[in-house]
Amino acid sequence: MLKHRGFPGRLAGTDFQFTIRRANPKGVTPLTRRERFRDRKPADRRADAGFMEALWQHFGDQPFERGNLDAGRLSWLFEREVVPAEDPFDPASYDALLVIDLDVAKMSFPDIFDGLR
């Protein structure tokens, strides 16, 4: 499992986790699309925005390996702002390649992508 050095481990001042310390010995948690309903708590929305901003700052528009990124946090963005970068895609692999869908990310998080066209 690739560890993304320099990637924040959590949202500052909260317990919202962004990365995991080690691989799960029982198996990899698969990525699944989680629905974000309108009535989500503001703290959850801030965690999504903070994670998206960290992804953008760390990887930009380039494909990246899932590695030690938290499956739960990644699943809130999966198949919307973050999409598979390879075909076939294995959602239960630490080696799976992902990429930010810039058009969708700009619409979902306009504050993060303000200066981009």
N, C-alpha and C. Protein backbone atom coordinates (compact mmCIF):
# COMPACT_ATOMS: atom_id res chain seq x y z
N MET A 1 0.85 -1.18 0.00
CA MET A 1 0.00 0.00 0.00
C MET A 1 0.89 1.24 0.00
N LEU A 2 0.67 2.09 -0.98
CA LEU A 2 1.41 3.34 -1.10
C LEU A 2 0.93 4.33 -0.04
N LYS A 3 1.88 4.92 0.69
CA LYS A 3 1.53 5.97 1.65
C LYS A 3 1.83 7.31 1.00
N HIS A 4 0.82 8.16 0.94
CA HIS A 4 0.95 9.47 0.32
C HIS A 4 1.59 10.44 1.31
N ARG A 5 2.88 10.58 1.23
CA ARG A 5 3.62 11.47 2.13
C ARG A 5 3.20 12.92 1.88
N GLY A 6 2.98 13.64 2.98
CA GLY A 6 2.60 15.04 2.87
C GLY A 6 1.10 15.25 2.78
N PHE A 7 0.33 14.18 2.59
CA PHE A 7 -1.13 14.30 2.54
C PHE A 7 -1.64 14.41 3.98
N PRO A 8 -2.55 15.34 4.27
CA PRO A 8 -3.03 15.49 5.66
C PRO A 8 -3.74 14.22 6.14
N GLY A 9 -3.49 13.84 7.37
CA GLY A 9 -4.10 12.64 7.95
C GLY A 9 -5.55 12.83 8.32
N ARG A 10 -5.94 14.07 8.58
CA ARG A 10 -7.32 14.36 8.98
C ARG A 10 -7.61 15.83 8.76
N LEU A 11 -8.88 16.20 8.85
CA LEU A 11 -9.27 17.60 8.76
C LEU A 11 -8.84 18.28 10.05
N ALA A 12 -8.11 19.35 9.94
CA ALA A 12 -7.58 20.04 11.11
C ALA A 12 -8.66 20.36 12.13
N GLY A 13 -8.40 20.05 13.38
CA GLY A 13 -9.31 20.37 14.46
C GLY A 13 -10.50 19.43 14.59
N THR A 14 -10.52 18.35 13.83
CA THR A 14 -11.65 17.40 13.88
C THR A 14 -11.13 15.97 13.92
N ASP A 15 -12.04 15.03 14.01
CA ASP A 15 -11.70 13.61 13.93
C ASP A 15 -12.04 13.02 12.57
N PHE A 16 -12.28 13.86 11.57
CA PHE A 16 -12.56 13.35 10.23
C PHE A 16 -11.26 12.87 9.59
N GLN A 17 -11.15 11.57 9.43
CA GLN A 17 -9.94 10.92 8.95
C GLN A 17 -9.83 10.99 7.43
N PHE A 18 -8.62 11.28 6.93
CA PHE A 18 -8.35 11.32 5.49
C PHE A 18 -7.49 10.15 5.03
N THR A 19 -6.63 9.64 5.92
CA THR A 19 -5.74 8.54 5.55
C THR A 19 -5.81 7.44 6.61
N ILE A 20 -5.31 6.26 6.23
CA ILE A 20 -5.21 5.16 7.17
C ILE A 20 -3.73 4.88 7.42
N ARG A 21 -3.43 4.28 8.55
CA ARG A 21 -2.03 4.04 8.91
C ARG A 21 -1.45 2.81 8.23
N ARG A 22 -2.26 1.75 8.18
CA ARG A 22 -1.75 0.50 7.60
C ARG A 22 -2.87 -0.23 6.88
N ALA A 23 -2.46 -1.16 6.04
CA ALA A 23 -3.42 -1.95 5.27
C ALA A 23 -4.26 -2.81 6.22
N ASN A 24 -5.50 -3.02 5.86
CA ASN A 24 -6.41 -3.85 6.64
C ASN A 24 -6.04 -5.32 6.43
N PRO A 25 -5.67 -6.04 7.50
CA PRO A 25 -5.27 -7.44 7.33
C PRO A 25 -6.44 -8.34 6.90
N LYS A 26 -7.68 -7.91 7.12
CA LYS A 26 -8.85 -8.71 6.75
C LYS A 26 -9.26 -8.50 5.30
N GLY A 27 -8.65 -7.54 4.64
CA GLY A 27 -9.00 -7.25 3.25
C GLY A 27 -9.23 -5.77 3.05
N VAL A 28 -9.16 -5.36 1.81
CA VAL A 28 -9.29 -3.95 1.46
C VAL A 28 -10.77 -3.55 1.48
N THR A 29 -11.08 -2.42 2.11
CA THR A 29 -12.44 -1.91 2.08
C THR A 29 -12.72 -1.36 0.69
N PRO A 30 -13.73 -1.90 0.00
CA PRO A 30 -14.00 -1.42 -1.37
C PRO A 30 -14.58 -0.01 -1.37
N LEU A 31 -14.29 0.73 -2.44
CA LEU A 31 -14.89 2.05 -2.64
C LEU A 31 -16.30 1.85 -3.16
N THR A 32 -17.24 2.59 -2.59
CA THR A 32 -18.63 2.55 -3.05
C THR A 32 -19.14 3.98 -3.11
N ARG A 33 -20.07 4.23 -3.99
CA ARG A 33 -20.65 5.58 -4.08
C ARG A 33 -21.62 5.78 -2.92
N ARG A 34 -21.39 6.81 -2.13
CA ARG A 34 -22.29 7.16 -1.03
C ARG A 34 -23.08 8.39 -1.43
N GLU A 35 -24.36 8.34 -1.20
CA GLU A 35 -25.22 9.48 -1.54
C GLU A 35 -25.05 10.61 -0.53
N ARG A 36 -24.89 11.81 -1.04
CA ARG A 36 -24.80 13.00 -0.18
C ARG A 36 -26.15 13.71 -0.25
N PHE A 37 -26.91 13.58 0.82
CA PHE A 37 -28.23 14.20 0.87
C PHE A 37 -28.12 15.65 1.31
N ARG A 38 -29.11 16.44 0.97
CA ARG A 38 -29.11 17.88 1.25
C ARG A 38 -29.05 18.19 2.74
N ASP A 39 -29.55 17.29 3.58
CA ASP A 39 -29.62 17.56 5.01
C ASP A 39 -28.39 17.09 5.79
N ARG A 40 -27.26 16.87 5.09
CA ARG A 40 -26.03 16.48 5.80
C ARG A 40 -25.57 17.60 6.71
N LYS A 41 -24.92 17.21 7.78
CA LYS A 41 -24.43 18.18 8.76
C LYS A 41 -23.35 19.07 8.14
N PRO A 42 -23.29 20.33 8.57
CA PRO A 42 -22.25 21.24 8.07
C PRO A 42 -20.83 20.70 8.28
N ALA A 43 -20.60 20.00 9.38
CA ALA A 43 -19.27 19.44 9.64
C ALA A 43 -18.91 18.40 8.58
N ASP A 44 -19.89 17.59 8.17
CA ASP A 44 -19.64 16.59 7.12
C ASP A 44 -19.33 17.27 5.79
N ARG A 45 -20.02 18.34 5.52
CA ARG A 45 -19.77 19.09 4.28
C ARG A 45 -18.37 19.71 4.28
N ARG A 46 -17.96 20.23 5.45
CA ARG A 46 -16.61 20.79 5.56
C ARG A 46 -15.55 19.70 5.37
N ALA A 47 -15.83 18.51 5.89
CA ALA A 47 -14.89 17.39 5.72
C ALA A 47 -14.76 17.02 4.25
N ASP A 48 -15.87 16.98 3.53
CA ASP A 48 -15.82 16.70 2.08
C ASP A 48 -15.00 17.75 1.36
N ALA A 49 -15.26 19.02 1.68
CA ALA A 49 -14.55 20.11 1.02
C ALA A 49 -13.06 20.08 1.37
N GLY A 50 -12.74 19.81 2.64
CA GLY A 50 -11.35 19.74 3.05
C GLY A 50 -10.61 18.59 2.37
N PHE A 51 -11.28 17.45 2.23
CA PHE A 51 -10.67 16.30 1.57
C PHE A 51 -10.48 16.59 0.08
N MET A 52 -11.48 17.19 -0.55
CA MET A 52 -11.36 17.53 -1.98
C MET A 52 -10.22 18.52 -2.19
N GLU A 53 -10.10 19.50 -1.31
CA GLU A 53 -9.02 20.48 -1.43
C GLU A 53 -7.65 19.81 -1.27
N ALA A 54 -7.55 18.88 -0.32
CA ALA A 54 -6.28 18.16 -0.12
C ALA A 54 -5.94 17.32 -1.35
N LEU A 55 -6.95 16.65 -1.93
CA LEU A 55 -6.72 15.87 -3.16
C LEU A 55 -6.22 16.77 -4.28
N TRP A 56 -6.86 17.92 -4.45
CA TRP A 56 -6.49 18.84 -5.52
C TRP A 56 -5.08 19.37 -5.32
N GLN A 57 -4.76 19.78 -4.10
CA GLN A 57 -3.43 20.32 -3.83
C GLN A 57 -2.34 19.26 -3.98
N HIS A 58 -2.66 18.04 -3.62
CA HIS A 58 -1.65 16.98 -3.65
C HIS A 58 -1.48 16.34 -5.03
N PHE A 59 -2.60 16.16 -5.76
CA PHE A 59 -2.54 15.43 -7.03
C PHE A 59 -2.89 16.26 -8.26
N GLY A 60 -3.62 17.35 -8.07
CA GLY A 60 -4.04 18.15 -9.22
C GLY A 60 -4.93 17.33 -10.15
N ASP A 61 -4.74 17.50 -11.46
CA ASP A 61 -5.58 16.79 -12.42
C ASP A 61 -4.96 15.48 -12.90
N GLN A 62 -3.90 15.02 -12.20
CA GLN A 62 -3.20 13.80 -12.59
C GLN A 62 -3.80 12.57 -11.91
N PRO A 63 -3.76 11.41 -12.57
CA PRO A 63 -4.22 10.18 -11.92
C PRO A 63 -3.37 9.88 -10.68
N PHE A 64 -4.01 9.29 -9.67
CA PHE A 64 -3.30 8.96 -8.43
C PHE A 64 -3.74 7.60 -7.93
N GLU A 65 -2.84 6.96 -7.20
CA GLU A 65 -3.11 5.65 -6.63
C GLU A 65 -3.90 5.83 -5.34
N ARG A 66 -4.86 4.95 -5.10
CA ARG A 66 -5.67 5.03 -3.88
C ARG A 66 -4.78 4.96 -2.65
N GLY A 67 -3.88 4.01 -2.58
CA GLY A 67 -2.94 3.90 -1.48
C GLY A 67 -3.59 3.96 -0.12
N ASN A 68 -3.09 4.84 0.75
CA ASN A 68 -3.58 4.90 2.12
C ASN A 68 -4.71 5.92 2.33
N LEU A 69 -5.34 6.36 1.25
CA LEU A 69 -6.48 7.27 1.39
C LEU A 69 -7.66 6.51 2.00
N ASP A 70 -8.35 7.12 2.94
CA ASP A 70 -9.44 6.48 3.66
C ASP A 70 -10.61 6.15 2.73
N ALA A 71 -11.03 4.89 2.71
CA ALA A 71 -12.11 4.44 1.82
C ALA A 71 -13.43 5.13 2.14
N GLY A 72 -13.71 5.32 3.41
CA GLY A 72 -14.96 5.97 3.80
C GLY A 72 -15.04 7.39 3.30
N ARG A 73 -13.98 8.16 3.49
CA ARG A 73 -13.96 9.55 3.06
C ARG A 73 -13.95 9.64 1.54
N LEU A 74 -13.19 8.75 0.89
CA LEU A 74 -13.12 8.74 -0.57
C LEU A 74 -14.47 8.36 -1.19
N SER A 75 -15.21 7.51 -0.50
CA SER A 75 -16.51 7.06 -1.03
C SER A 75 -17.53 8.18 -1.12
N TRP A 76 -17.39 9.22 -0.29
CA TRP A 76 -18.31 10.36 -0.38
C TRP A 76 -18.13 11.13 -1.69
N LEU A 77 -16.95 11.00 -2.31
CA LEU A 77 -16.66 11.71 -3.57
C LEU A 77 -16.64 10.77 -4.78
N PHE A 78 -16.59 9.46 -4.52
CA PHE A 78 -16.40 8.47 -5.56
C PHE A 78 -17.56 8.45 -6.57
N GLU A 79 -17.20 8.34 -7.83
CA GLU A 79 -18.12 8.32 -8.98
C GLU A 79 -18.83 9.64 -9.21
N ARG A 80 -18.34 10.70 -8.59
CA ARG A 80 -18.79 12.06 -8.86
C ARG A 80 -17.55 12.90 -9.12
N GLU A 81 -16.96 13.44 -8.06
CA GLU A 81 -15.76 14.27 -8.20
C GLU A 81 -14.49 13.45 -8.42
N VAL A 82 -14.47 12.24 -7.90
CA VAL A 82 -13.33 11.34 -8.07
C VAL A 82 -13.82 10.10 -8.81
N VAL A 83 -13.19 9.82 -9.95
CA VAL A 83 -13.63 8.71 -10.80
C VAL A 83 -12.46 7.77 -11.09
N PRO A 84 -12.77 6.53 -11.49
CA PRO A 84 -11.70 5.60 -11.86
C PRO A 84 -10.88 6.13 -13.03
N ALA A 85 -9.57 5.90 -12.99
CA ALA A 85 -8.69 6.35 -14.06
C ALA A 85 -8.19 5.17 -14.89
N GLU A 86 -8.76 4.00 -14.65
CA GLU A 86 -8.34 2.81 -15.39
C GLU A 86 -9.54 1.91 -15.65
N ASP A 87 -9.41 1.09 -16.66
CA ASP A 87 -10.45 0.14 -17.00
C ASP A 87 -9.79 -1.19 -17.32
N PRO A 88 -10.06 -2.26 -16.64
CA PRO A 88 -11.04 -2.41 -15.57
C PRO A 88 -10.55 -1.78 -14.26
N PHE A 89 -11.51 -1.40 -13.43
CA PHE A 89 -11.23 -0.76 -12.15
C PHE A 89 -11.59 -1.73 -11.03
N ASP A 90 -10.69 -1.89 -10.08
CA ASP A 90 -10.94 -2.74 -8.92
C ASP A 90 -11.17 -1.85 -7.70
N PRO A 91 -12.42 -1.72 -7.24
CA PRO A 91 -12.70 -0.84 -6.11
C PRO A 91 -12.13 -1.35 -4.79
N ALA A 92 -11.67 -2.61 -4.76
CA ALA A 92 -11.11 -3.19 -3.54
C ALA A 92 -9.60 -3.39 -3.67
N SER A 93 -8.91 -2.42 -4.25
CA SER A 93 -7.47 -2.51 -4.42
C SER A 93 -6.81 -1.21 -3.96
N TYR A 94 -5.75 -1.34 -3.18
CA TYR A 94 -4.98 -0.17 -2.78
C TYR A 94 -4.22 0.41 -3.97
N ASP A 95 -4.03 -0.40 -5.03
CA ASP A 95 -3.30 0.04 -6.21
C ASP A 95 -4.18 0.69 -7.27
N ALA A 96 -5.49 0.76 -7.04
CA ALA A 96 -6.43 1.31 -8.02
C ALA A 96 -6.09 2.77 -8.32
N LEU A 97 -6.20 3.13 -9.60
CA LEU A 97 -5.92 4.51 -10.01
C LEU A 97 -7.21 5.32 -10.10
N LEU A 98 -7.16 6.52 -9.56
CA LEU A 98 -8.30 7.45 -9.55
C LEU A 98 -7.85 8.77 -10.13
N VAL A 99 -8.82 9.60 -10.50
CA VAL A 99 -8.53 10.94 -11.00
C VAL A 99 -9.69 11.86 -10.62
N ILE A 100 -9.39 13.13 -10.44
CA ILE A 100 -10.43 14.12 -10.14
C ILE A 100 -11.12 14.50 -11.44
N ASP A 101 -12.46 14.42 -11.45
CA ASP A 101 -13.26 14.89 -12.58
C ASP A 101 -13.44 16.39 -12.35
N LEU A 102 -12.62 17.17 -13.00
CA LEU A 102 -12.53 18.61 -12.74
C LEU A 102 -13.84 19.35 -12.97
N ASP A 103 -14.58 18.99 -14.01
CA ASP A 103 -15.85 19.67 -14.29
C ASP A 103 -16.85 19.48 -13.15
N VAL A 104 -16.98 18.26 -12.67
CA VAL A 104 -17.92 17.98 -11.58
C VAL A 104 -17.41 18.60 -10.28
N ALA A 105 -16.11 18.50 -10.03
CA ALA A 105 -15.53 19.05 -8.80
C ALA A 105 -15.72 20.57 -8.73
N LYS A 106 -15.58 21.25 -9.85
CA LYS A 106 -15.77 22.71 -9.88
C LYS A 106 -17.20 23.08 -9.52
N MET A 107 -18.16 22.29 -9.98
CA MET A 107 -19.57 22.57 -9.66
C MET A 107 -19.89 22.25 -8.21
N SER A 108 -19.31 21.19 -7.67
CA SER A 108 -19.60 20.77 -6.30
C SER A 108 -18.88 21.62 -5.26
N PHE A 109 -17.65 22.04 -5.57
CA PHE A 109 -16.83 22.79 -4.62
C PHE A 109 -16.26 24.04 -5.29
N PRO A 110 -17.12 25.01 -5.61
CA PRO A 110 -16.65 26.19 -6.35
C PRO A 110 -15.61 27.01 -5.60
N ASP A 111 -15.64 27.01 -4.27
CA ASP A 111 -14.66 27.80 -3.50
C ASP A 111 -13.25 27.28 -3.68
N ILE A 112 -13.09 25.98 -3.87
CA ILE A 112 -11.77 25.39 -4.00
C ILE A 112 -11.19 25.69 -5.39
N PHE A 113 -12.04 25.67 -6.40
CA PHE A 113 -11.59 25.80 -7.78
C PHE A 113 -11.91 27.16 -8.35
N ASP A 114 -11.99 28.19 -7.50
CA ASP A 114 -12.39 29.53 -7.87
C ASP A 114 -11.59 30.11 -9.03
N GLY A 115 -10.27 30.01 -8.98
CA GLY A 115 -9.44 30.65 -10.00
C GLY A 115 -9.29 29.86 -11.29
N LEU A 116 -9.81 28.64 -11.33
CA LEU A 116 -9.68 27.81 -12.54
C LEU A 116 -10.80 28.10 -13.53
N ARG A 117 -10.49 27.92 -14.78
CA ARG A 117 -11.51 28.10 -15.83
C ARG A 117 -12.08 26.78 -16.23
